[in-house]
Protein backbone atom coordinates (compact mmCIF):
# COMPACT_ATOMS: atom_id res chain seq x y z
CA UNK A 1 25.85 124.33 182.58
CA UNK A 2 27.58 127.91 182.31
CA UNK A 3 30.91 126.60 182.55
CA UNK A 4 30.60 124.13 179.22
CA UNK A 5 29.04 127.42 177.38
CA UNK A 6 32.01 129.32 177.99
CA UNK A 7 34.51 126.31 176.83
CA UNK A 8 32.53 126.25 173.67
CA UNK A 9 33.01 129.90 173.13
CA UNK A 10 36.47 129.78 173.79
CA UNK A 11 37.03 126.95 171.10
CA UNK A 12 34.51 128.72 168.54
CA UNK A 13 36.80 132.34 168.86
CA UNK A 14 40.23 130.10 168.56
CA UNK A 15 38.55 128.13 165.64
CA UNK A 16 37.74 131.52 163.64
CA UNK A 17 41.41 132.95 164.93
CA UNK A 18 42.99 130.17 163.44
CA UNK A 19 40.98 130.33 160.04
CA UNK A 20 40.94 134.77 160.30
CA UNK A 21 45.29 133.39 160.04
CA UNK A 22 44.79 131.26 156.60
CA UNK A 23 42.24 133.48 155.68
CA UNK A 24 45.15 136.21 155.98
CA UNK A 25 48.17 134.13 154.26
CA UNK A 26 46.05 133.80 151.69
CA UNK A 27 45.16 136.85 150.41
CA UNK A 28 48.18 138.76 151.81
CA UNK A 29 50.93 135.85 151.65
CA UNK A 30 49.98 133.17 148.61
CA UNK A 31 47.85 135.20 146.61
CA UNK A 32 50.25 138.18 145.81
CA UNK A 33 52.80 135.96 145.81
CA UNK A 34 51.26 133.93 142.82
CA UNK A 35 50.45 137.57 141.08
CA UNK A 36 54.51 138.07 141.14
CA UNK A 37 55.17 135.27 139.50
CA UNK A 38 52.74 135.86 136.61
CA UNK A 39 53.83 139.84 136.43
CA UNK A 40 57.58 138.73 136.14
CA UNK A 41 56.23 136.25 133.10
CA UNK A 42 54.24 138.67 131.40
CA UNK A 43 56.99 141.71 131.35
CA UNK A 44 60.00 139.13 130.90
CA UNK A 45 57.83 137.29 128.25
CA UNK A 46 57.24 141.10 127.03
CA UNK A 47 60.85 142.08 127.12
CA UNK A 48 62.27 138.78 125.44
CA UNK A 49 59.21 139.24 122.60
CA UNK A 50 60.50 142.85 122.04
CA UNK A 51 64.36 142.12 122.14
CA UNK A 52 64.19 139.27 119.72
CA UNK A 53 61.63 141.32 117.23
CA UNK A 54 64.02 144.07 116.58
CA UNK A 55 67.53 141.21 116.51
CA UNK A 56 66.00 138.79 113.85
CA UNK A 57 64.56 141.52 111.87
CA UNK A 58 67.59 143.06 112.11
CA UNK A 59 68.70 139.20 110.65
CA UNK A 60 66.12 138.48 108.20
CA UNK A 61 66.92 141.86 106.35
CA UNK A 62 70.44 140.99 106.62
CA UNK A 63 69.88 137.92 104.43
CA UNK A 64 67.83 139.44 102.16
CA UNK A 65 70.64 142.15 101.23
CA UNK A 66 72.41 139.40 100.70
CA UNK A 67 70.00 137.66 98.25
CA UNK A 68 69.59 141.14 96.52
CA UNK A 69 73.45 142.09 96.74
CA UNK A 70 73.91 138.24 94.75
CA UNK A 71 70.90 139.13 92.44
CA UNK A 72 72.63 141.77 91.58
CA UNK A 73 76.14 140.18 91.35
CA UNK A 74 74.20 137.56 88.71
CA UNK A 75 72.81 140.57 86.52
CA UNK A 76 76.02 142.53 85.89
CA UNK A 77 77.66 139.28 85.05
CA UNK A 78 75.28 138.30 82.23
CA UNK A 79 74.84 142.47 80.76
CA UNK A 80 78.36 142.07 80.41
CA UNK A 81 78.40 138.70 78.48
CA UNK A 82 75.61 140.12 76.62
CA UNK A 83 77.97 143.07 75.65
CA UNK A 84 81.02 141.28 74.78
CA UNK A 85 81.76 141.49 71.01
CA UNK A 86 83.09 137.81 70.98
CA UNK A 87 79.61 136.25 71.75
CA UNK A 88 77.64 139.30 69.44
CA UNK A 89 79.37 138.14 66.47
CA UNK A 90 78.80 134.66 66.87
CA UNK A 91 75.29 135.17 66.49
CA UNK A 92 76.00 136.25 63.32
CA UNK A 93 78.13 133.52 62.18
CA UNK A 94 77.53 130.65 64.45
CA UNK A 95 75.88 129.59 61.01
CA UNK A 96 78.95 128.61 59.10
CA UNK A 97 80.76 127.37 62.35
CA UNK A 98 82.58 130.16 63.10
CA UNK A 99 83.92 130.69 66.57
CA UNK A 100 81.53 128.48 68.21
CA UNK A 101 84.12 126.25 69.33
CA UNK A 102 85.99 129.15 70.73
CA UNK A 103 83.47 130.81 72.54
CA UNK A 104 82.13 127.43 74.08
CA UNK A 105 85.80 127.19 75.29
CA UNK A 106 85.77 130.48 76.68
CA UNK A 107 82.20 130.38 78.31
CA UNK A 108 83.38 126.37 79.85
CA UNK A 109 85.94 127.86 81.89
CA UNK A 110 83.96 130.94 82.83
CA UNK A 111 81.55 128.73 84.14
CA UNK A 112 83.89 126.72 86.25
CA UNK A 113 86.12 129.65 87.76
CA UNK A 114 82.24 131.12 88.53
CA UNK A 115 80.73 128.68 90.33
CA UNK A 116 77.85 130.41 90.88
CA UNK A 117 76.29 128.46 87.12
CA UNK A 118 74.56 125.77 86.55
CA UNK A 119 74.36 126.41 82.77
CA UNK A 120 74.96 128.93 80.50
CA UNK A 121 73.09 129.00 77.08
CA UNK A 122 73.06 131.56 73.78
CA UNK A 123 69.79 131.59 71.97
CA UNK A 124 69.22 132.83 68.56
CA UNK A 125 65.44 134.76 68.25
CA UNK A 126 63.83 131.76 66.61
CA UNK A 127 64.63 129.60 69.51
CA UNK A 128 67.25 127.58 68.16
CA UNK A 129 70.24 126.83 70.88
CA UNK A 130 73.73 127.82 69.36
CA UNK A 131 75.64 126.88 72.26
CA UNK A 132 75.56 125.48 75.95
CA UNK A 133 77.75 124.70 78.51
CA UNK A 134 78.13 121.95 79.90
CA UNK A 135 77.13 120.30 76.44
CA UNK A 136 74.14 118.06 75.87
CA UNK A 137 72.85 115.92 72.96
CA UNK A 138 70.39 116.88 70.51
CA UNK A 139 67.69 115.36 72.75
CA UNK A 140 68.60 116.69 75.80
CA UNK A 141 69.00 120.55 74.08
CA UNK A 142 65.50 120.64 73.23
CA UNK A 143 64.10 120.19 77.49
CA UNK A 144 66.68 123.05 78.46
CA UNK A 145 64.27 125.49 77.79
CA UNK A 146 61.31 125.66 76.41
CA UNK A 147 60.20 127.81 72.95
CA UNK A 148 57.61 129.55 74.87
CA UNK A 149 60.10 131.25 77.35
CA UNK A 150 62.46 131.98 74.47
CA UNK A 151 60.08 133.57 72.74
CA UNK A 152 58.51 135.65 75.32
CA UNK A 153 62.23 136.40 76.42
CA UNK A 154 62.54 137.98 73.09
CA UNK A 155 60.25 140.19 73.50
CA UNK A 156 62.28 142.58 76.65
CA UNK A 157 65.82 143.15 76.79
CA UNK A 158 66.13 141.58 80.63
CA UNK A 159 63.61 138.62 82.17
CA UNK A 160 63.72 136.62 85.24
CA UNK A 161 62.29 133.39 85.37
CA UNK A 162 61.59 130.54 87.64
CA UNK A 163 61.52 126.89 86.98
CA UNK A 164 61.38 123.25 87.70
CA UNK A 165 64.29 121.67 87.17
CA UNK A 166 66.10 119.70 90.10
CA UNK A 167 64.17 118.91 94.06
CA UNK A 168 64.99 123.25 93.92
CA UNK A 169 64.35 124.57 91.37
CA UNK A 170 65.79 127.08 88.89
CA UNK A 171 65.65 130.60 87.94
CA UNK A 172 66.64 131.74 84.30
CA UNK A 173 68.77 135.17 83.85
CA UNK A 174 67.81 136.38 80.03
CA UNK A 175 69.15 138.82 78.77
CA UNK A 176 69.35 139.89 74.94
CA UNK A 177 72.03 140.42 73.24
CA UNK A 178 72.40 143.04 70.23
CA UNK A 179 74.14 143.31 66.95
CA UNK A 180 77.75 144.21 67.08
CA UNK A 181 77.51 147.33 64.75
CA UNK A 182 73.50 148.81 65.56
CA UNK A 183 73.22 148.12 69.22
CA UNK A 184 69.14 148.71 68.79
CA UNK A 185 68.92 145.19 66.76
CA UNK A 186 68.38 141.96 68.75
CA UNK A 187 70.28 139.36 66.94
CA UNK A 188 70.16 136.77 70.32
CA UNK A 189 69.40 135.63 73.77
CA UNK A 190 71.97 134.85 77.38
CA UNK A 191 70.89 132.79 79.12
CA UNK A 192 72.17 131.84 83.01
CA UNK A 193 70.57 128.99 84.79
CA UNK A 194 71.25 129.63 88.39
CA UNK A 195 70.08 126.48 91.30
CA UNK A 196 67.73 127.89 93.46
CA UNK A 197 69.99 126.93 96.58
CA UNK A 198 72.40 129.64 95.67
CA UNK A 199 70.02 132.18 97.38
CA UNK A 200 68.45 129.73 99.40
CA UNK A 201 71.32 128.98 101.76
CA UNK A 202 71.53 132.71 102.79
CA UNK A 203 68.07 131.67 104.66
CA UNK A 204 70.02 127.80 105.57
CA UNK A 205 72.01 129.36 107.21
CA UNK A 206 70.39 131.28 109.77
CA UNK A 207 70.69 129.40 112.54
CA UNK A 208 68.39 131.38 116.01
CA UNK A 209 67.59 127.23 117.66
CA UNK A 210 65.58 123.91 117.43
CA UNK A 211 62.06 124.19 116.34
CA UNK A 212 62.52 127.02 113.91
CA UNK A 213 60.69 126.67 111.10
CA UNK A 214 62.31 129.22 107.94
CA UNK A 215 60.27 129.67 103.96
CA UNK A 216 60.45 131.47 101.55
CA UNK A 217 57.22 132.29 99.00
CA UNK A 218 57.43 133.65 95.32
CA UNK A 219 55.65 136.33 93.98
CA UNK A 220 52.60 133.82 92.95
CA UNK A 221 52.41 132.45 96.37
CA UNK A 222 54.13 129.18 95.06
CA UNK A 223 55.73 127.66 97.99
CA UNK A 224 59.84 128.10 96.54
CA UNK A 225 61.99 127.00 99.51
CA UNK A 226 60.76 125.35 103.34
CA UNK A 227 62.57 124.29 106.58
CA UNK A 228 62.22 123.18 110.18
CA UNK A 229 65.10 123.05 112.61
CA UNK A 230 64.48 119.82 114.36
CA UNK A 231 62.26 119.08 112.33
CA UNK A 232 59.07 120.16 113.68
CA UNK A 233 55.17 119.33 112.03
CA UNK A 234 53.83 123.14 111.57
CA UNK A 235 50.47 121.13 110.63
CA UNK A 236 49.99 120.21 113.95
CA UNK A 237 50.38 123.58 115.55
CA UNK A 238 48.62 126.23 115.85
CA UNK A 239 49.28 129.33 113.67
CA UNK A 240 49.60 131.12 117.54
CA UNK A 241 51.90 128.37 118.48
CA UNK A 242 54.60 130.29 116.36
CA UNK A 243 55.70 134.17 116.51
CA UNK A 244 56.67 134.71 112.62
CA UNK A 245 59.02 137.41 111.26
CA UNK A 246 58.61 138.13 107.80
CA UNK A 247 60.71 140.08 105.18
CA UNK A 248 60.46 141.25 101.06
CA UNK A 249 63.33 140.26 98.79
CA UNK A 250 62.79 143.35 96.08
CA UNK A 251 64.77 142.50 93.59
CA UNK A 252 63.28 138.63 93.04
CA UNK A 253 60.06 139.27 94.21
CA UNK A 254 60.13 136.73 96.88
CA UNK A 255 58.39 136.48 100.58
CA UNK A 256 60.87 134.89 103.54
CA UNK A 257 59.77 134.17 106.43
CA UNK A 258 60.86 132.65 110.20
CA UNK A 259 58.10 130.77 112.84
CA UNK A 260 59.29 130.35 116.29
CA UNK A 261 57.68 128.37 118.30
CA UNK A 262 56.90 129.84 121.81
CA UNK A 263 58.29 127.06 123.05
CA UNK A 264 61.67 127.62 122.42
CA UNK A 265 61.39 131.84 122.59
CA UNK A 266 59.78 131.49 126.28
CA UNK A 267 61.43 128.43 127.32
CA UNK A 268 63.35 129.99 129.85
CA UNK A 269 60.10 132.21 131.38
CA UNK A 270 57.78 128.94 131.57
CA UNK A 271 60.68 126.85 133.64
CA UNK A 272 60.89 130.43 135.72
CA UNK A 273 57.26 130.10 136.05
CA UNK A 274 56.74 126.95 137.34
CA UNK A 275 59.65 127.43 139.64
CA UNK A 276 57.68 130.26 140.54
CA UNK A 277 54.17 129.10 141.41
CA UNK A 278 56.35 125.96 142.89
CA UNK A 279 58.12 128.62 145.08
CA UNK A 280 54.72 130.85 145.91
CA UNK A 281 53.38 127.78 147.30
CA UNK A 282 56.02 126.75 149.46
CA UNK A 283 55.92 129.86 151.07
CA UNK A 284 52.76 129.96 151.99
CA UNK A 285 52.49 127.01 153.53
CA UNK A 286 55.56 128.23 155.94
CA UNK A 287 54.16 131.32 155.78
CA UNK A 288 50.76 129.76 158.07
CA UNK A 289 52.82 128.91 160.39
CA UNK A 290 55.22 131.04 160.93
CA UNK A 291 52.73 134.08 160.73
CA UNK A 292 53.80 137.36 161.22
CA UNK A 293 57.39 137.46 161.91
CA UNK A 294 57.56 135.40 158.33
CA UNK A 295 55.66 138.16 157.36
CA UNK A 296 58.37 140.81 158.18
CA UNK A 297 61.15 138.43 156.41
CA UNK A 298 59.59 137.94 153.10
CA UNK A 299 58.24 141.43 152.47
CA UNK A 300 61.78 143.15 151.93
CA UNK A 301 62.77 140.06 149.27
CA UNK A 302 59.05 140.07 147.44
CA UNK A 303 60.17 143.79 146.92
CA UNK A 304 63.49 143.69 146.10
CA UNK A 305 62.32 140.68 143.17
CA UNK A 306 59.69 142.91 142.18
CA UNK A 307 62.10 146.04 141.38
CA UNK A 308 64.25 143.32 139.36
CA UNK A 309 62.08 141.80 137.18
CA UNK A 310 61.34 145.90 136.34
CA UNK A 311 64.81 146.50 135.44
CA UNK A 312 65.10 143.50 133.25
CA UNK A 313 61.67 144.11 131.83
CA UNK A 314 63.59 147.85 131.00
CA UNK A 315 66.22 145.97 129.65
CA UNK A 316 68.63 146.09 132.20
CA UNK A 317 70.50 142.34 131.85
CA UNK A 318 73.13 143.51 133.79
CA UNK A 319 71.03 143.93 137.08
CA UNK A 320 71.31 141.60 139.86
CA UNK A 321 69.19 140.55 142.35
CA UNK A 322 70.83 140.40 145.95
CA UNK A 323 68.98 139.23 148.55
CA UNK A 324 70.52 138.05 152.00
CA UNK A 325 67.49 136.49 153.56
CA UNK A 326 64.94 134.08 152.32
CA UNK A 327 66.45 130.54 151.31
CA UNK A 328 63.64 130.07 148.67
CA UNK A 329 63.51 133.77 147.53
CA UNK A 330 67.72 133.74 147.45
CA UNK A 331 66.52 131.02 144.76
CA UNK A 332 64.51 132.74 142.69
CA UNK A 333 66.80 135.61 143.01
CA UNK A 334 69.20 133.53 141.09
CA UNK A 335 66.58 131.77 138.61
CA UNK A 336 65.74 135.82 137.11
CA UNK A 337 69.37 136.06 137.60
CA UNK A 338 70.42 132.90 135.50
CA UNK A 339 67.40 134.07 133.08
CA UNK A 340 68.94 137.43 132.45
CA UNK A 341 72.32 136.58 131.51
CA UNK A 342 70.64 133.90 129.37
CA UNK A 343 69.52 136.70 127.38
CA UNK A 344 71.92 138.80 127.77
CA UNK A 345 73.86 135.82 126.24
CA UNK A 346 71.01 134.95 123.22
CA UNK A 347 71.16 139.02 122.27
CA UNK A 348 75.06 139.08 122.15
CA UNK A 349 74.95 135.93 119.88
CA UNK A 350 72.15 137.39 117.56
CA UNK A 351 74.05 140.85 117.50
CA UNK A 352 77.86 138.65 116.31
CA UNK A 353 75.25 137.43 113.55
CA UNK A 354 74.53 140.09 112.06
CA UNK A 355 77.75 141.54 111.53
CA UNK A 356 78.92 138.46 110.84
CA UNK A 357 76.00 138.56 108.13
CA UNK A 358 77.01 142.36 107.21
CA UNK A 359 80.86 141.45 106.90
CA UNK A 360 79.88 138.75 104.23
CA UNK A 361 77.14 141.27 102.38
CA UNK A 362 80.51 143.95 101.88
CA UNK A 363 83.26 140.65 101.14
CA UNK A 364 80.70 139.29 98.53
CA UNK A 365 80.23 143.40 97.02
CA UNK A 366 83.78 143.87 97.53
CA UNK A 367 85.21 140.97 96.00
CA UNK A 368 82.68 141.19 92.92
CA UNK A 369 83.89 144.94 92.22
CA UNK A 370 87.31 142.96 92.50
CA UNK A 371 86.60 140.21 90.14
CA UNK A 372 85.50 141.95 86.94
CA UNK A 373 88.32 144.18 86.29
CA UNK A 374 90.76 141.12 87.31
CA UNK A 375 88.95 139.11 84.47
CA UNK A 376 89.64 141.99 81.90
CA UNK A 377 93.36 142.20 82.77
CA UNK A 378 93.84 138.19 82.44
CA UNK A 379 91.26 138.34 78.83
CA UNK A 380 93.85 141.23 77.54
CA UNK A 381 96.47 140.02 78.51
CA UNK A 382 96.32 136.13 76.76
CA UNK A 383 95.23 138.05 73.66
CA UNK A 384 99.23 140.08 73.70
CA UNK A 385 99.87 137.20 74.32
CA UNK A 386 99.13 134.97 71.02
CA UNK A 387 100.76 137.43 69.25
CA UNK A 388 104.83 137.03 68.00
CA UNK A 389 106.62 137.84 70.55
CA UNK A 390 110.57 137.38 70.21
CA UNK A 391 111.84 138.33 73.09
CA UNK A 392 111.84 135.44 76.07
CA UNK A 393 111.51 138.27 78.64
CA UNK A 394 108.97 139.61 77.35
CA UNK A 395 106.78 136.31 77.36
CA UNK A 396 107.95 135.79 80.84
CA UNK A 397 106.66 138.85 82.04
CA UNK A 398 103.08 138.77 80.30
CA UNK A 399 103.35 134.49 82.20
CA UNK A 400 104.20 136.39 85.62
CA UNK A 401 101.54 139.01 84.59
CA UNK A 402 99.34 135.80 84.20
CA UNK A 403 99.77 134.09 87.14
CA UNK A 404 99.83 136.59 89.41
CA UNK A 405 96.05 137.59 88.26
CA UNK A 406 94.92 134.04 88.95
CA UNK A 407 96.77 134.53 92.54
CA UNK A 408 94.57 137.85 92.79
CA UNK A 409 91.59 135.34 91.80
CA UNK A 410 91.98 133.07 94.39
CA UNK A 411 92.11 135.49 97.14
CA UNK A 412 88.97 136.91 96.17
CA UNK A 413 87.17 133.41 95.17
CA UNK A 414 88.56 132.83 99.26
CA UNK A 415 87.09 136.18 100.15
CA UNK A 416 83.33 134.99 98.31
CA UNK A 417 84.26 131.56 100.39
CA UNK A 418 83.87 133.66 103.43
CA UNK A 419 80.76 135.38 102.60
CA UNK A 420 78.82 132.16 102.07
CA UNK A 421 81.13 129.65 104.58
CA UNK A 422 82.02 126.12 103.12
CA UNK A 423 80.37 123.48 105.51
CA UNK A 424 81.79 121.72 107.68
CA UNK A 425 83.37 117.92 107.77
CA UNK A 426 83.81 116.55 110.61
CA UNK A 427 84.77 113.31 112.02
CA UNK A 428 86.69 112.16 115.37
CA UNK A 429 90.10 114.43 115.48
CA UNK A 430 93.00 113.89 118.04
CA UNK A 431 92.82 117.46 119.53
CA UNK A 432 96.54 117.33 120.66
CA UNK A 433 97.93 115.85 116.94
CA UNK A 434 95.76 119.21 115.46
CA UNK A 435 97.52 121.67 118.29
CA UNK A 436 100.98 119.45 117.07
CA UNK A 437 100.05 120.34 113.64
CA UNK A 438 99.67 124.61 114.20
CA UNK A 439 102.72 124.28 116.24
CA UNK A 440 104.65 123.73 113.69
CA UNK A 441 103.07 126.15 111.53
CA UNK A 442 104.00 128.86 113.56
CA UNK A 443 107.57 127.07 114.50
CA UNK A 444 109.95 129.86 112.16
CA UNK A 445 107.34 132.59 113.77
CA UNK A 446 107.76 131.46 117.31
CA UNK A 447 111.75 131.16 117.28
CA UNK A 448 111.53 134.18 115.71
CA UNK A 449 110.26 136.21 118.55
CA UNK A 450 111.79 133.80 121.17
CA UNK A 451 108.47 133.19 122.40
CA UNK A 452 108.76 129.65 124.83
CA UNK A 453 105.37 127.03 124.07
CA UNK A 454 104.51 124.60 127.21
CA UNK A 455 101.99 122.07 125.55
CA UNK A 456 100.74 120.26 128.23
CA UNK A 457 97.99 118.35 126.26
CA UNK A 458 96.63 114.85 127.19
CA UNK A 459 95.39 113.16 123.92
CA UNK A 460 91.73 113.56 123.16
CA UNK A 461 89.50 112.94 120.45
CA UNK A 462 87.08 115.61 119.19
CA UNK A 463 84.08 115.64 116.82
CA UNK A 464 84.88 118.31 113.93
CA UNK A 465 86.60 119.77 111.10
CA UNK A 466 89.97 119.03 111.55
CA UNK A 467 91.23 121.99 108.71
CA UNK A 468 88.11 124.45 110.17
CA UNK A 469 90.14 123.61 113.72
CA UNK A 470 93.70 123.93 112.74
CA UNK A 471 92.51 127.77 111.44
CA UNK A 472 90.89 128.28 114.73
CA UNK A 473 94.12 127.38 116.63
CA UNK A 474 96.47 129.05 114.42
CA UNK A 475 94.26 132.57 114.32
CA UNK A 476 94.38 132.14 118.37
CA UNK A 477 97.95 131.75 118.30
CA UNK A 478 98.78 134.37 115.61
CA UNK A 479 96.97 136.89 118.15
CA UNK A 480 98.96 135.94 120.91
CA UNK A 481 101.73 136.04 119.49
CA UNK A 482 101.19 139.66 118.56
CA UNK A 483 100.65 140.77 121.58
CA UNK A 484 103.84 139.14 123.13
CA UNK A 485 105.67 142.53 122.92
CA UNK A 486 108.53 141.63 125.52
CA UNK A 487 111.58 138.87 125.66
CA UNK A 488 110.86 136.06 128.27
CA UNK A 489 106.88 135.62 126.19
CA UNK A 490 105.44 132.80 126.39
CA UNK A 491 102.43 130.47 124.93
CA UNK A 492 101.05 128.01 127.86
CA UNK A 493 98.68 124.99 126.23
CA UNK A 494 96.70 123.16 128.52
CA UNK A 495 93.30 121.46 129.38
CA UNK A 496 90.79 122.39 132.49
CA UNK A 497 90.53 118.82 133.17
CA UNK A 498 90.96 114.99 132.52
CA UNK A 499 88.28 114.78 130.66
CA UNK A 500 89.01 117.15 127.74
CA UNK A 501 86.21 119.35 127.22
CA UNK A 502 88.20 122.43 128.05
CA UNK A 503 91.12 122.96 125.96
CA UNK A 504 93.01 126.53 126.94
CA UNK A 505 95.68 128.96 125.66
CA UNK A 506 96.89 131.45 127.45
CA UNK A 507 99.88 134.31 126.84
CA UNK A 508 101.76 137.09 129.03
CA UNK A 509 101.05 139.50 125.99
CA UNK A 510 100.03 143.10 126.83
CA UNK A 511 96.01 141.67 127.22
CA UNK A 512 92.98 143.55 126.01
CA UNK A 513 91.90 146.56 128.06
CA UNK A 514 88.26 146.05 129.59
CA UNK A 515 86.26 148.62 127.19
CA UNK A 516 87.33 146.81 123.97
CA UNK A 517 86.13 143.03 125.07
CA UNK A 518 82.86 143.12 123.95
CA UNK A 519 84.21 144.53 120.35
CA UNK A 520 86.89 141.59 119.79
CA UNK A 521 84.63 139.72 117.87
CA UNK A 522 83.15 142.97 115.27
CA UNK A 523 84.67 142.88 111.96
CA UNK A 524 87.52 144.94 111.33
CA UNK A 525 88.06 145.37 114.74
CA UNK A 526 91.97 144.86 115.53
CA UNK A 527 94.50 146.03 118.20
CA UNK A 528 96.80 145.69 115.65
CA UNK A 529 98.29 148.14 113.05
CA UNK A 530 99.54 145.07 111.05
CA UNK A 531 95.90 143.26 111.06
CA UNK A 532 92.88 143.20 109.36
CA UNK A 533 90.48 142.57 112.12
CA UNK A 534 89.13 139.57 110.50
CA UNK A 535 90.86 136.69 112.40
CA UNK A 536 88.24 137.14 115.17
CA UNK A 537 85.06 137.55 113.36
CA UNK A 538 86.42 134.32 111.45
CA UNK A 539 87.31 132.17 114.92
CA UNK A 540 83.67 133.22 116.11
CA UNK A 541 82.27 131.44 112.93
CA UNK A 542 83.89 128.59 112.43
CA UNK A 543 83.90 127.38 116.29
CA UNK A 544 79.78 128.06 115.93
CA UNK A 545 80.31 125.34 113.05
CA UNK A 546 81.80 122.96 114.98
CA UNK A 547 80.19 123.72 118.17
CA UNK A 548 82.54 124.90 120.05
CA UNK A 549 81.93 127.79 122.49
CA UNK A 550 84.40 130.75 123.12
CA UNK A 551 85.77 132.55 126.38
CA UNK A 552 88.02 135.36 126.81
CA UNK A 553 89.27 136.49 129.80
CA UNK A 554 91.54 139.43 129.68
CA UNK A 555 93.39 142.22 130.92
CA UNK A 556 95.31 145.13 130.20
CA UNK A 557 99.02 144.38 130.74
CA UNK A 558 98.01 140.85 132.17
CA UNK A 559 97.93 138.46 129.85
CA UNK A 560 94.60 136.98 127.76
CA UNK A 561 93.48 133.47 128.40
CA UNK A 562 91.27 131.95 125.82
CA UNK A 563 88.34 128.61 126.30
CA UNK A 564 87.79 126.68 123.70
CA UNK A 565 84.92 124.77 124.92
CA UNK A 566 83.90 121.15 123.35
CA UNK A 567 80.53 121.27 123.63
CA UNK A 568 80.17 117.29 121.66
CA UNK A 569 82.83 114.35 122.28
CA UNK A 570 81.55 111.85 118.92
CA UNK A 571 79.78 111.42 116.22
CA UNK A 572 77.15 111.27 118.10
CA UNK A 573 77.56 113.57 120.98
């Protein structure tokens, strides 16, 4: 009997010891790991939110500034036109049909060249239409602008109205025209009609990720524009499911907002949280059977993970968590490291996008300042050319001046197109054929510098814009040519593997110093005295439009390797 009681006590003690071990590891193993996972998720989310908010606000301010700049450009144009003596005289003589046809021809050409204006019209104070371009019949002319708007606009020097015409609606810029001899007596109105799309396109170009909702609300609360990336049904989600960023376009009185779904913003963090929970449970189960030996091996790695997540939260995304022991925690640390790399990549893309937005704003401003003097020069030369000039050499000089002005105007237009990129027209394109075309264009340059080209491309097709891809190749090869300073230079063009997913362009030029690699996409940054610094900025923008990733490896005096990674093979890819 006594022996039986002792055996029972021993069993109870043994059972209690097992449960004590289980409870010990539950509170000091499993729970701390779960806490670490959620703590890491919290501080990482906070870091992402802070970084993203700053970058997105800078991006939206850039969009707002571009809209303001475009508004003031249009306002400057209409003020300039209203002060034109020919326009002022037409209001005094139009009832006699004098100068009307001549002015219509000029305005039609002006509207065509500007590409910004859907319609330009002239009205009398009594809302009578003097002329409009493009031309309309009598019935349509009565529907262009309501009499109430004309009457109201005539009471002010400058007015802005929004009307519901077309899918996007239109804006009316209206300016009073004063008598040619008495600049205090109004004689009529100039009306510019511009589609809302000309302004909303600046916001439409912003691409932060799938699922974002972009919208513009007018000063009276009307919805001017809304676009869902990925066709997200916002009505099915609560407001708390989105992180909203807003700014204001002061000139138009518009409120711009971008709403980013939390599942997109914190996608990597949510995945990391799930992985952390999985590994926490796994480690806890192993700990139940490994006892104190496992505890000693896990405490040090956990501390390293905690220190690493703190470094990430403080913004040190270049920090790397190195673990030598603990297979599960090594996987966890790699997940943290991958997260940091992805955050760094997204942050760099936002910074680069913001720089290109600033460049677009600058290009638009410069082009506007040049375009107006060019128009004045051309008008003056054309006026002089109408006089009787008997010397053919003199007439030839005037024709040359007009031709050069047209050429400069084309260059300025191209700068404006850079500020507002042309959409890609994509199709299935033979990559090897486009490379051959680029080499043909650069044949003289390659021959003059005695640079050999080793083209080892195999036939492959990708879905992209052929002209834009050709421009990417030419810019990259020109950079390679510029970097080759000695004889014996070469450019090697090949694929990374048979699939053709990666196109590589290598040279043995002077290379790029490591401290300048992060600046190569900056607008106006160039290592060549002859360069403008826009080449790689244009390449970066065009590559993004065509779903191409660019990777550049280079070192000083070691040449440069450029990798173009195609992320889609065909129209469905």
